[in-house]
Amino acid sequence: MKFRHTFDPKDIGLQEYHYNEVARKCGIHVPDFKLMNGRYFATRRFDIANGGERIHTATTGGLLCLSPSNPVLDYSNLLALTGYLTQNSHDVEDMFRRMVFNYLTDNKDDHCKNFSFYIDQNQTGHYAWHLAPAYDLTLWTEGYNGEHATSVNGTGNPTLSDMIAVGKKNKITEKRCREIFDEVMTACGDILFHHIQP
């Protein structure tokens, strides 16, 4: 359960709950969540198994030795890391979808500790990395000097062409990039804060 920080708006719990509702409609994988007492946002821990065992999880910051206080990450690198670790094109598309969502909804809190990966053992005994569910999705307009923590194709004010360039660098076709962008933009509804230029 998350409680309000002193600098958070009074309705932060309701706000984060709504962002997670919309993210799910956008096709983004989020953990189960609910609103407690009409004001507190609660979410299921994805790093703890049903039996209580800890699941080995690492943030992007931990994997790349990056700090949120020095925001140098670009979504090009984030998608590349996702593909390298997971070897799963669906996970790469999911990260692309999160990029689009974060920029359209003004979630500038997209720093290196807010993207994680976990590892588990499959039925054959082999270990594999997976993209962890999305978390810390909410309106955060201040960002880092007014910018997103993670840039898109080297810019904090990306166009759709920048987003497509990031996708194509990571083996997502332009057609698929446009499809994902349109799906997310359509599903954002009342939290659509930005219209990305072509």
N, C-alpha and C. Protein backbone atom coordinates (compact mmCIF):
# COMPACT_ATOMS: atom_id res chain seq x y z
N MET A 1 0.84 -1.18 0.00
CA MET A 1 0.00 0.00 0.00
C MET A 1 0.88 1.24 0.00
N LYS A 2 0.50 2.24 -0.78
CA LYS A 2 1.30 3.45 -0.89
C LYS A 2 0.59 4.60 -0.18
N PHE A 3 1.36 5.35 0.56
CA PHE A 3 0.81 6.50 1.27
C PHE A 3 1.34 7.79 0.65
N ARG A 4 0.62 8.85 0.87
CA ARG A 4 0.93 10.13 0.27
C ARG A 4 2.23 10.71 0.83
N HIS A 5 3.11 11.15 -0.07
CA HIS A 5 4.31 11.89 0.33
C HIS A 5 3.91 13.35 0.52
N THR A 6 4.71 14.09 1.25
CA THR A 6 4.36 15.49 1.56
C THR A 6 4.17 16.34 0.30
N PHE A 7 4.91 16.03 -0.79
CA PHE A 7 4.78 16.84 -2.00
C PHE A 7 3.75 16.29 -2.97
N ASP A 8 3.11 15.17 -2.64
CA ASP A 8 2.09 14.58 -3.52
C ASP A 8 0.77 15.34 -3.39
N PRO A 9 -0.04 15.36 -4.45
CA PRO A 9 -1.39 15.92 -4.32
C PRO A 9 -2.23 15.08 -3.37
N LYS A 10 -3.26 15.68 -2.80
CA LYS A 10 -4.07 14.97 -1.80
C LYS A 10 -4.76 13.74 -2.37
N ASP A 11 -5.03 13.76 -3.68
CA ASP A 11 -5.74 12.62 -4.29
C ASP A 11 -4.78 11.67 -5.02
N ILE A 12 -3.52 11.59 -4.58
CA ILE A 12 -2.51 10.79 -5.29
C ILE A 12 -2.91 9.32 -5.39
N GLY A 13 -3.54 8.78 -4.35
CA GLY A 13 -3.95 7.38 -4.39
C GLY A 13 -4.97 7.11 -5.47
N LEU A 14 -5.97 7.96 -5.54
CA LEU A 14 -7.01 7.84 -6.57
C LEU A 14 -6.41 8.05 -7.96
N GLN A 15 -5.48 9.00 -8.05
CA GLN A 15 -4.83 9.30 -9.32
C GLN A 15 -4.02 8.11 -9.83
N GLU A 16 -3.23 7.50 -8.96
CA GLU A 16 -2.42 6.35 -9.37
C GLU A 16 -3.30 5.15 -9.72
N TYR A 17 -4.38 5.00 -8.98
CA TYR A 17 -5.34 3.93 -9.28
C TYR A 17 -5.88 4.11 -10.70
N HIS A 18 -6.29 5.34 -11.03
CA HIS A 18 -6.86 5.60 -12.35
C HIS A 18 -5.81 5.41 -13.44
N TYR A 19 -4.57 5.83 -13.21
CA TYR A 19 -3.51 5.63 -14.20
C TYR A 19 -3.29 4.14 -14.47
N ASN A 20 -3.36 3.33 -13.43
CA ASN A 20 -3.19 1.89 -13.62
C ASN A 20 -4.37 1.28 -14.37
N GLU A 21 -5.58 1.79 -14.10
CA GLU A 21 -6.75 1.34 -14.87
C GLU A 21 -6.55 1.62 -16.35
N VAL A 22 -6.13 2.84 -16.66
CA VAL A 22 -5.95 3.24 -18.06
C VAL A 22 -4.78 2.48 -18.69
N ALA A 23 -3.69 2.31 -17.94
CA ALA A 23 -2.53 1.57 -18.47
C ALA A 23 -2.95 0.16 -18.88
N ARG A 24 -3.77 -0.47 -18.07
CA ARG A 24 -4.25 -1.81 -18.40
C ARG A 24 -5.08 -1.79 -19.68
N LYS A 25 -5.91 -0.76 -19.84
CA LYS A 25 -6.69 -0.62 -21.08
C LYS A 25 -5.78 -0.40 -22.28
N CYS A 26 -4.63 0.20 -22.03
CA CYS A 26 -3.65 0.44 -23.11
C CYS A 26 -2.85 -0.80 -23.46
N GLY A 27 -3.10 -1.91 -22.76
CA GLY A 27 -2.40 -3.15 -23.04
C GLY A 27 -1.11 -3.31 -22.28
N ILE A 28 -0.89 -2.47 -21.27
CA ILE A 28 0.33 -2.55 -20.46
C ILE A 28 0.11 -3.51 -19.30
N HIS A 29 1.08 -4.39 -19.09
CA HIS A 29 0.97 -5.36 -18.01
C HIS A 29 1.27 -4.69 -16.67
N VAL A 30 0.25 -4.61 -15.81
CA VAL A 30 0.42 -4.05 -14.47
C VAL A 30 0.00 -5.11 -13.45
N PRO A 31 0.57 -5.09 -12.25
CA PRO A 31 0.14 -6.05 -11.23
C PRO A 31 -1.30 -5.77 -10.82
N ASP A 32 -1.93 -6.74 -10.15
CA ASP A 32 -3.27 -6.50 -9.60
C ASP A 32 -3.20 -5.33 -8.63
N PHE A 33 -4.25 -4.52 -8.59
CA PHE A 33 -4.26 -3.33 -7.75
C PHE A 33 -5.68 -3.03 -7.29
N LYS A 34 -5.79 -2.22 -6.26
CA LYS A 34 -7.11 -1.77 -5.81
C LYS A 34 -6.96 -0.49 -5.01
N LEU A 35 -8.08 0.15 -4.76
CA LEU A 35 -8.12 1.39 -3.98
C LEU A 35 -8.69 1.05 -2.60
N MET A 36 -7.93 1.38 -1.55
CA MET A 36 -8.35 1.08 -0.18
C MET A 36 -8.96 2.33 0.46
N ASN A 37 -10.10 2.16 1.09
CA ASN A 37 -10.78 3.26 1.78
C ASN A 37 -10.99 4.48 0.88
N GLY A 38 -11.08 4.23 -0.41
CA GLY A 38 -11.34 5.31 -1.34
C GLY A 38 -10.20 6.29 -1.55
N ARG A 39 -9.03 5.98 -0.98
CA ARG A 39 -7.94 6.96 -1.09
C ARG A 39 -6.53 6.38 -1.15
N TYR A 40 -6.33 5.12 -0.75
CA TYR A 40 -4.98 4.55 -0.73
C TYR A 40 -4.82 3.54 -1.86
N PHE A 41 -3.77 3.74 -2.65
CA PHE A 41 -3.48 2.84 -3.76
C PHE A 41 -2.72 1.63 -3.24
N ALA A 42 -3.22 0.44 -3.55
CA ALA A 42 -2.55 -0.80 -3.15
C ALA A 42 -2.29 -1.65 -4.39
N THR A 43 -1.11 -2.26 -4.44
CA THR A 43 -0.74 -3.08 -5.60
C THR A 43 -0.04 -4.35 -5.13
N ARG A 44 -0.25 -5.42 -5.87
CA ARG A 44 0.37 -6.70 -5.52
C ARG A 44 1.87 -6.66 -5.82
N ARG A 45 2.68 -7.16 -4.90
CA ARG A 45 4.13 -7.23 -5.11
C ARG A 45 4.43 -8.28 -6.17
N PHE A 46 5.14 -7.88 -7.24
CA PHE A 46 5.49 -8.84 -8.29
C PHE A 46 6.80 -9.55 -7.98
N ASP A 47 7.51 -9.11 -6.94
CA ASP A 47 8.80 -9.72 -6.62
C ASP A 47 8.70 -10.73 -5.48
N ILE A 48 7.47 -11.11 -5.12
CA ILE A 48 7.26 -12.13 -4.09
C ILE A 48 6.29 -13.16 -4.65
N ALA A 49 6.68 -14.44 -4.63
CA ALA A 49 5.85 -15.53 -5.14
C ALA A 49 4.68 -15.80 -4.19
N ASN A 50 3.72 -16.56 -4.69
CA ASN A 50 2.53 -16.87 -3.88
C ASN A 50 2.88 -17.56 -2.57
N GLY A 51 3.97 -18.32 -2.59
CA GLY A 51 4.39 -19.01 -1.37
C GLY A 51 5.24 -18.16 -0.43
N GLY A 52 5.47 -16.91 -0.80
CA GLY A 52 6.24 -15.99 0.05
C GLY A 52 7.71 -15.89 -0.31
N GLU A 53 8.17 -16.70 -1.27
CA GLU A 53 9.58 -16.64 -1.64
C GLU A 53 9.86 -15.38 -2.47
N ARG A 54 11.04 -14.80 -2.28
CA ARG A 54 11.44 -13.64 -3.06
C ARG A 54 11.83 -14.08 -4.47
N ILE A 55 11.42 -13.32 -5.45
CA ILE A 55 11.78 -13.54 -6.84
C ILE A 55 12.93 -12.60 -7.18
N HIS A 56 13.99 -13.13 -7.75
CA HIS A 56 15.15 -12.29 -8.05
C HIS A 56 14.76 -11.22 -9.07
N THR A 57 14.87 -9.97 -8.67
CA THR A 57 14.45 -8.83 -9.49
C THR A 57 15.56 -7.79 -9.52
N ALA A 58 15.74 -7.16 -10.67
CA ALA A 58 16.76 -6.10 -10.80
C ALA A 58 16.18 -4.94 -11.58
N THR A 59 16.46 -3.74 -11.12
CA THR A 59 16.02 -2.55 -11.86
C THR A 59 16.99 -2.28 -13.01
N THR A 60 16.53 -1.48 -13.95
CA THR A 60 17.41 -1.05 -15.04
C THR A 60 18.61 -0.29 -14.48
N GLY A 61 18.36 0.53 -13.47
CA GLY A 61 19.46 1.26 -12.83
C GLY A 61 20.51 0.33 -12.27
N GLY A 62 20.05 -0.73 -11.61
CA GLY A 62 20.98 -1.70 -11.04
C GLY A 62 21.75 -2.46 -12.11
N LEU A 63 21.08 -2.83 -13.18
CA LEU A 63 21.72 -3.59 -14.25
C LEU A 63 22.74 -2.75 -15.03
N LEU A 64 22.44 -1.46 -15.21
CA LEU A 64 23.31 -0.60 -16.01
C LEU A 64 24.16 0.34 -15.17
N CYS A 65 24.11 0.17 -13.84
CA CYS A 65 24.87 1.03 -12.92
C CYS A 65 24.53 2.51 -13.14
N LEU A 66 23.24 2.81 -13.21
CA LEU A 66 22.77 4.18 -13.40
C LEU A 66 22.03 4.63 -12.15
N SER A 67 22.03 5.94 -11.92
CA SER A 67 21.32 6.53 -10.78
C SER A 67 20.21 7.43 -11.28
N PRO A 68 19.05 7.43 -10.60
CA PRO A 68 17.96 8.35 -10.98
C PRO A 68 18.38 9.81 -10.89
N SER A 69 19.38 10.11 -10.07
CA SER A 69 19.81 11.50 -9.92
C SER A 69 20.62 12.00 -11.13
N ASN A 70 21.00 11.06 -12.02
CA ASN A 70 21.72 11.42 -13.23
C ASN A 70 20.99 10.79 -14.43
N PRO A 71 19.88 11.41 -14.85
CA PRO A 71 19.03 10.78 -15.86
C PRO A 71 19.63 10.82 -17.26
N VAL A 72 20.30 9.75 -17.64
CA VAL A 72 20.96 9.68 -18.96
C VAL A 72 20.37 8.56 -19.83
N LEU A 73 19.35 7.89 -19.34
CA LEU A 73 18.78 6.75 -20.06
C LEU A 73 17.92 7.21 -21.23
N ASP A 74 17.97 6.46 -22.32
CA ASP A 74 17.12 6.70 -23.47
C ASP A 74 16.30 5.43 -23.72
N TYR A 75 15.07 5.60 -24.22
CA TYR A 75 14.25 4.42 -24.49
C TYR A 75 14.86 3.50 -25.53
N SER A 76 15.72 4.02 -26.40
CA SER A 76 16.43 3.15 -27.35
C SER A 76 17.24 2.10 -26.59
N ASN A 77 17.95 2.56 -25.54
CA ASN A 77 18.75 1.65 -24.72
C ASN A 77 17.86 0.73 -23.87
N LEU A 78 16.76 1.27 -23.41
CA LEU A 78 15.85 0.49 -22.57
C LEU A 78 15.21 -0.65 -23.36
N LEU A 79 14.80 -0.37 -24.58
CA LEU A 79 14.25 -1.44 -25.42
C LEU A 79 15.33 -2.45 -25.79
N ALA A 80 16.55 -1.96 -26.04
CA ALA A 80 17.66 -2.87 -26.37
C ALA A 80 17.97 -3.78 -25.19
N LEU A 81 17.99 -3.22 -23.99
CA LEU A 81 18.22 -4.02 -22.79
C LEU A 81 17.13 -5.07 -22.63
N THR A 82 15.88 -4.67 -22.87
CA THR A 82 14.75 -5.60 -22.75
C THR A 82 14.92 -6.76 -23.72
N GLY A 83 15.27 -6.46 -24.96
CA GLY A 83 15.46 -7.52 -25.95
C GLY A 83 16.62 -8.42 -25.63
N TYR A 84 17.72 -7.82 -25.16
CA TYR A 84 18.92 -8.60 -24.83
C TYR A 84 18.66 -9.56 -23.67
N LEU A 85 18.01 -9.05 -22.62
CA LEU A 85 17.78 -9.89 -21.44
C LEU A 85 16.73 -10.96 -21.67
N THR A 86 15.58 -10.54 -22.22
CA THR A 86 14.44 -11.45 -22.28
C THR A 86 14.41 -12.31 -23.54
N GLN A 87 15.05 -11.82 -24.62
CA GLN A 87 14.98 -12.52 -25.91
C GLN A 87 13.52 -12.74 -26.31
N ASN A 88 12.68 -11.75 -25.99
CA ASN A 88 11.25 -11.89 -26.19
C ASN A 88 10.71 -10.63 -26.85
N SER A 89 10.23 -10.75 -28.07
CA SER A 89 9.75 -9.58 -28.82
C SER A 89 8.51 -8.97 -28.17
N HIS A 90 7.70 -9.79 -27.51
CA HIS A 90 6.51 -9.25 -26.82
C HIS A 90 6.93 -8.29 -25.70
N ASP A 91 7.97 -8.64 -24.95
CA ASP A 91 8.45 -7.76 -23.88
C ASP A 91 9.00 -6.46 -24.46
N VAL A 92 9.66 -6.52 -25.62
CA VAL A 92 10.18 -5.32 -26.26
C VAL A 92 9.01 -4.42 -26.68
N GLU A 93 7.97 -5.01 -27.23
CA GLU A 93 6.78 -4.23 -27.60
C GLU A 93 6.11 -3.63 -26.38
N ASP A 94 6.10 -4.38 -25.27
CA ASP A 94 5.51 -3.87 -24.03
C ASP A 94 6.28 -2.64 -23.55
N MET A 95 7.61 -2.66 -23.66
CA MET A 95 8.39 -1.50 -23.26
C MET A 95 8.14 -0.32 -24.20
N PHE A 96 7.98 -0.58 -25.47
CA PHE A 96 7.63 0.48 -26.42
C PHE A 96 6.28 1.09 -26.03
N ARG A 97 5.34 0.26 -25.67
CA ARG A 97 4.01 0.70 -25.26
C ARG A 97 4.11 1.59 -24.02
N ARG A 98 4.97 1.24 -23.08
CA ARG A 98 5.16 2.05 -21.86
C ARG A 98 5.76 3.41 -22.20
N MET A 99 6.70 3.43 -23.15
CA MET A 99 7.28 4.69 -23.60
C MET A 99 6.18 5.62 -24.11
N VAL A 100 5.34 5.11 -25.00
CA VAL A 100 4.26 5.91 -25.57
C VAL A 100 3.33 6.38 -24.46
N PHE A 101 2.94 5.49 -23.58
CA PHE A 101 2.04 5.83 -22.47
C PHE A 101 2.62 6.93 -21.59
N ASN A 102 3.87 6.79 -21.20
CA ASN A 102 4.49 7.77 -20.30
C ASN A 102 4.54 9.16 -20.91
N TYR A 103 4.82 9.22 -22.21
CA TYR A 103 4.90 10.54 -22.86
C TYR A 103 3.51 11.13 -23.11
N LEU A 104 2.55 10.31 -23.48
CA LEU A 104 1.20 10.83 -23.73
C LEU A 104 0.50 11.28 -22.46
N THR A 105 0.82 10.64 -21.33
CA THR A 105 0.11 10.93 -20.08
C THR A 105 0.91 11.78 -19.11
N ASP A 106 2.05 12.27 -19.53
CA ASP A 106 2.90 13.16 -18.73
C ASP A 106 3.40 12.51 -17.44
N ASN A 107 3.73 11.22 -17.54
CA ASN A 107 4.39 10.54 -16.42
C ASN A 107 5.90 10.70 -16.62
N LYS A 108 6.44 11.79 -16.09
CA LYS A 108 7.87 12.07 -16.26
C LYS A 108 8.74 11.35 -15.24
N ASP A 109 8.11 10.53 -14.40
CA ASP A 109 8.85 9.78 -13.39
C ASP A 109 9.34 8.45 -13.98
N ASP A 110 9.78 8.49 -15.22
CA ASP A 110 10.20 7.27 -15.93
C ASP A 110 11.72 7.09 -15.82
N HIS A 111 12.20 7.08 -14.58
CA HIS A 111 13.64 6.95 -14.36
C HIS A 111 14.07 5.48 -14.30
N CYS A 112 15.37 5.27 -14.22
CA CYS A 112 15.95 3.94 -14.38
C CYS A 112 15.56 2.93 -13.29
N LYS A 113 15.05 3.41 -12.16
CA LYS A 113 14.63 2.46 -11.11
C LYS A 113 13.15 2.09 -11.24
N ASN A 114 12.47 2.71 -12.21
CA ASN A 114 11.05 2.40 -12.40
C ASN A 114 10.80 1.44 -13.56
N PHE A 115 11.85 0.74 -13.98
CA PHE A 115 11.73 -0.34 -14.95
C PHE A 115 12.54 -1.51 -14.41
N SER A 116 11.89 -2.66 -14.26
CA SER A 116 12.57 -3.81 -13.66
C SER A 116 12.40 -5.08 -14.48
N PHE A 117 13.28 -6.03 -14.16
CA PHE A 117 13.26 -7.34 -14.79
C PHE A 117 13.37 -8.39 -13.69
N TYR A 118 12.77 -9.55 -13.93
CA TYR A 118 12.90 -10.63 -12.95
C TYR A 118 13.33 -11.91 -13.66
N ILE A 119 13.90 -12.82 -12.91
CA ILE A 119 14.38 -14.07 -13.47
C ILE A 119 13.69 -15.23 -12.76
N ASP A 120 13.30 -16.25 -13.54
CA ASP A 120 12.71 -17.44 -12.94
C ASP A 120 13.18 -18.68 -13.69
N GLN A 121 12.82 -19.83 -13.13
CA GLN A 121 13.25 -21.11 -13.67
C GLN A 121 12.06 -21.76 -14.38
N ASN A 122 12.27 -22.20 -15.62
CA ASN A 122 11.16 -22.85 -16.33
C ASN A 122 11.11 -24.34 -16.03
N GLN A 123 10.20 -25.03 -16.68
CA GLN A 123 9.98 -26.46 -16.39
C GLN A 123 11.17 -27.33 -16.74
N THR A 124 12.02 -26.86 -17.64
CA THR A 124 13.20 -27.65 -18.02
C THR A 124 14.41 -27.35 -17.14
N GLY A 125 14.22 -26.44 -16.16
CA GLY A 125 15.31 -26.11 -15.25
C GLY A 125 16.17 -24.95 -15.68
N HIS A 126 15.88 -24.37 -16.83
CA HIS A 126 16.64 -23.23 -17.31
C HIS A 126 16.08 -21.93 -16.74
N TYR A 127 16.98 -20.98 -16.50
CA TYR A 127 16.57 -19.68 -15.99
C TYR A 127 16.40 -18.70 -17.14
N ALA A 128 15.41 -17.81 -17.02
CA ALA A 128 15.15 -16.83 -18.06
C ALA A 128 14.70 -15.51 -17.45
N TRP A 129 15.11 -14.42 -18.09
CA TRP A 129 14.71 -13.08 -17.66
C TRP A 129 13.39 -12.69 -18.31
N HIS A 130 12.61 -11.89 -17.60
CA HIS A 130 11.33 -11.37 -18.09
C HIS A 130 11.20 -9.91 -17.70
N LEU A 131 10.46 -9.16 -18.48
CA LEU A 131 10.14 -7.78 -18.12
C LEU A 131 9.12 -7.81 -17.00
N ALA A 132 9.43 -7.12 -15.90
CA ALA A 132 8.50 -7.06 -14.77
C ALA A 132 7.30 -6.19 -15.13
N PRO A 133 6.18 -6.37 -14.46
CA PRO A 133 5.02 -5.50 -14.70
C PRO A 133 5.37 -4.04 -14.46
N ALA A 134 4.61 -3.16 -15.10
CA ALA A 134 4.82 -1.72 -14.95
C ALA A 134 4.37 -1.26 -13.56
N TYR A 135 5.08 -0.28 -13.02
CA TYR A 135 4.73 0.27 -11.71
C TYR A 135 5.09 1.75 -11.66
N ASP A 136 4.63 2.42 -10.60
CA ASP A 136 4.84 3.87 -10.43
C ASP A 136 4.33 4.65 -11.65
N LEU A 137 3.12 4.32 -12.06
CA LEU A 137 2.48 5.01 -13.18
C LEU A 137 1.53 6.06 -12.62
N THR A 138 1.86 7.31 -12.81
CA THR A 138 1.00 8.38 -12.33
C THR A 138 1.39 9.70 -13.00
N LEU A 139 0.55 10.69 -12.84
CA LEU A 139 0.85 12.01 -13.38
C LEU A 139 1.99 12.63 -12.58
N TRP A 140 3.06 13.01 -13.26
CA TRP A 140 4.19 13.66 -12.60
C TRP A 140 4.76 14.67 -13.58
N THR A 141 4.26 15.89 -13.49
CA THR A 141 4.55 16.90 -14.50
C THR A 141 5.90 17.59 -14.32
N GLU A 142 6.43 17.60 -13.09
CA GLU A 142 7.69 18.33 -12.85
C GLU A 142 8.88 17.66 -13.52
N GLY A 143 8.99 16.37 -13.35
CA GLY A 143 10.09 15.64 -13.96
C GLY A 143 11.45 16.14 -13.50
N TYR A 144 12.40 16.04 -14.39
CA TYR A 144 13.78 16.44 -14.12
C TYR A 144 14.04 17.73 -14.90
N ASN A 145 13.97 18.85 -14.19
CA ASN A 145 14.04 20.17 -14.84
C ASN A 145 12.98 20.28 -15.94
N GLY A 146 11.81 19.72 -15.64
CA GLY A 146 10.69 19.79 -16.57
C GLY A 146 10.70 18.74 -17.66
N GLU A 147 11.72 17.88 -17.67
CA GLU A 147 11.85 16.86 -18.71
C GLU A 147 11.58 15.46 -18.15
N HIS A 148 11.30 14.53 -19.05
CA HIS A 148 11.23 13.12 -18.68
C HIS A 148 12.60 12.64 -18.24
N ALA A 149 12.61 11.66 -17.34
CA ALA A 149 13.89 11.09 -16.91
C ALA A 149 14.54 10.30 -18.04
N THR A 150 13.71 9.70 -18.90
CA THR A 150 14.22 8.89 -20.01
C THR A 150 13.82 9.55 -21.32
N SER A 151 14.82 9.83 -22.16
CA SER A 151 14.57 10.50 -23.44
C SER A 151 14.13 9.49 -24.50
N VAL A 152 13.69 10.02 -25.64
CA VAL A 152 13.27 9.19 -26.77
C VAL A 152 14.09 9.59 -27.98
N ASN A 153 14.95 8.70 -28.43
CA ASN A 153 15.79 8.98 -29.60
C ASN A 153 16.61 10.24 -29.39
N GLY A 154 17.04 10.45 -28.13
CA GLY A 154 17.93 11.57 -27.82
C GLY A 154 17.24 12.88 -27.53
N THR A 155 15.91 12.90 -27.44
CA THR A 155 15.20 14.15 -27.19
C THR A 155 14.14 13.99 -26.10
N GLY A 156 13.88 15.07 -25.38
CA GLY A 156 12.84 15.07 -24.36
C GLY A 156 11.50 15.54 -24.90
N ASN A 157 11.48 15.95 -26.16
CA ASN A 157 10.24 16.37 -26.82
C ASN A 157 10.10 15.60 -28.13
N PRO A 158 9.84 14.30 -28.02
CA PRO A 158 9.88 13.46 -29.22
C PRO A 158 8.65 13.64 -30.12
N THR A 159 8.87 13.39 -31.38
CA THR A 159 7.79 13.27 -32.35
C THR A 159 7.46 11.79 -32.50
N LEU A 160 6.40 11.51 -33.24
CA LEU A 160 6.09 10.11 -33.54
C LEU A 160 7.24 9.49 -34.33
N SER A 161 7.88 10.26 -35.18
CA SER A 161 9.02 9.75 -35.94
C SER A 161 10.15 9.30 -35.02
N ASP A 162 10.37 10.03 -33.91
CA ASP A 162 11.39 9.62 -32.93
C ASP A 162 11.01 8.29 -32.29
N MET A 163 9.75 8.14 -31.95
CA MET A 163 9.30 6.89 -31.33
C MET A 163 9.43 5.73 -32.30
N ILE A 164 9.08 5.97 -33.55
CA ILE A 164 9.22 4.92 -34.56
C ILE A 164 10.69 4.56 -34.75
N ALA A 165 11.58 5.56 -34.71
CA ALA A 165 13.02 5.29 -34.84
C ALA A 165 13.50 4.39 -33.71
N VAL A 166 13.03 4.64 -32.49
CA VAL A 166 13.40 3.80 -31.35
C VAL A 166 12.90 2.37 -31.56
N GLY A 167 11.66 2.24 -32.03
CA GLY A 167 11.12 0.90 -32.28
C GLY A 167 11.89 0.17 -33.37
N LYS A 168 12.16 0.85 -34.48
CA LYS A 168 12.85 0.20 -35.60
C LYS A 168 14.26 -0.22 -35.23
N LYS A 169 14.92 0.57 -34.37
CA LYS A 169 16.26 0.18 -33.90
C LYS A 169 16.21 -1.14 -33.13
N ASN A 170 15.02 -1.46 -32.62
CA ASN A 170 14.87 -2.64 -31.77
C ASN A 170 13.91 -3.67 -32.37
N LYS A 171 13.93 -3.73 -33.71
CA LYS A 171 13.27 -4.80 -34.48
C LYS A 171 11.75 -4.78 -34.41
N ILE A 172 11.17 -3.59 -34.18
CA ILE A 172 9.72 -3.44 -34.29
C ILE A 172 9.46 -2.70 -35.61
N THR A 173 8.61 -3.24 -36.44
CA THR A 173 8.35 -2.62 -37.74
C THR A 173 7.65 -1.27 -37.55
N GLU A 174 7.81 -0.41 -38.55
CA GLU A 174 7.13 0.89 -38.48
C GLU A 174 5.61 0.71 -38.38
N LYS A 175 5.07 -0.26 -39.12
CA LYS A 175 3.63 -0.54 -39.07
C LYS A 175 3.20 -0.89 -37.66
N ARG A 176 3.98 -1.75 -36.99
CA ARG A 176 3.63 -2.17 -35.62
C ARG A 176 3.78 -1.00 -34.65
N CYS A 177 4.82 -0.18 -34.82
CA CYS A 177 4.99 1.01 -33.97
C CYS A 177 3.76 1.90 -34.05
N ARG A 178 3.29 2.14 -35.27
CA ARG A 178 2.13 3.00 -35.45
C ARG A 178 0.87 2.37 -34.84
N GLU A 179 0.75 1.07 -34.97
CA GLU A 179 -0.41 0.38 -34.38
C GLU A 179 -0.41 0.54 -32.86
N ILE A 180 0.75 0.31 -32.23
CA ILE A 180 0.84 0.43 -30.78
C ILE A 180 0.56 1.85 -30.35
N PHE A 181 1.15 2.82 -31.06
CA PHE A 181 0.92 4.22 -30.73
C PHE A 181 -0.56 4.56 -30.79
N ASP A 182 -1.23 4.15 -31.84
CA ASP A 182 -2.66 4.45 -31.99
C ASP A 182 -3.49 3.76 -30.92
N GLU A 183 -3.14 2.51 -30.58
CA GLU A 183 -3.87 1.79 -29.52
C GLU A 183 -3.76 2.52 -28.19
N VAL A 184 -2.55 2.96 -27.85
CA VAL A 184 -2.34 3.63 -26.56
C VAL A 184 -3.03 4.99 -26.56
N MET A 185 -2.85 5.77 -27.62
CA MET A 185 -3.45 7.10 -27.67
C MET A 185 -4.97 7.02 -27.56
N THR A 186 -5.57 6.05 -28.23
CA THR A 186 -7.03 5.89 -28.19
C THR A 186 -7.51 5.51 -26.80
N ALA A 187 -6.74 4.64 -26.12
CA ALA A 187 -7.17 4.13 -24.81
C ALA A 187 -6.87 5.09 -23.66
N CYS A 188 -6.03 6.11 -23.88
CA CYS A 188 -5.65 7.00 -22.78
C CYS A 188 -6.83 7.82 -22.24
N GLY A 189 -7.79 8.13 -23.08
CA GLY A 189 -8.99 8.82 -22.62
C GLY A 189 -8.70 10.13 -21.91
N ASP A 190 -9.19 10.24 -20.66
CA ASP A 190 -9.12 11.52 -19.94
C ASP A 190 -7.73 11.83 -19.38
N ILE A 191 -6.76 10.92 -19.52
CA ILE A 191 -5.41 11.24 -19.04
C ILE A 191 -4.45 11.52 -20.20
N LEU A 192 -5.00 11.71 -21.39
CA LEU A 192 -4.18 12.09 -22.54
C LEU A 192 -3.81 13.57 -22.42
N PHE A 193 -2.55 13.84 -22.09
CA PHE A 193 -2.10 15.21 -21.85
C PHE A 193 -1.33 15.80 -23.03
N HIS A 194 -0.79 14.96 -23.89
CA HIS A 194 0.04 15.44 -24.99
C HIS A 194 -0.38 14.80 -26.30
N HIS A 195 -0.32 15.58 -27.33
CA HIS A 195 -0.51 15.08 -28.69
C HIS A 195 0.85 15.12 -29.36
N ILE A 196 1.40 13.96 -29.60
CA ILE A 196 2.73 13.86 -30.21
C ILE A 196 2.65 14.23 -31.68
N GLN A 197 3.57 15.06 -32.12
CA GLN A 197 3.60 15.49 -33.52
C GLN A 197 4.09 14.34 -34.40
N PRO A 198 3.66 14.34 -35.68
CA PRO A 198 4.09 13.25 -36.60
C PRO A 198 5.60 13.23 -36.78
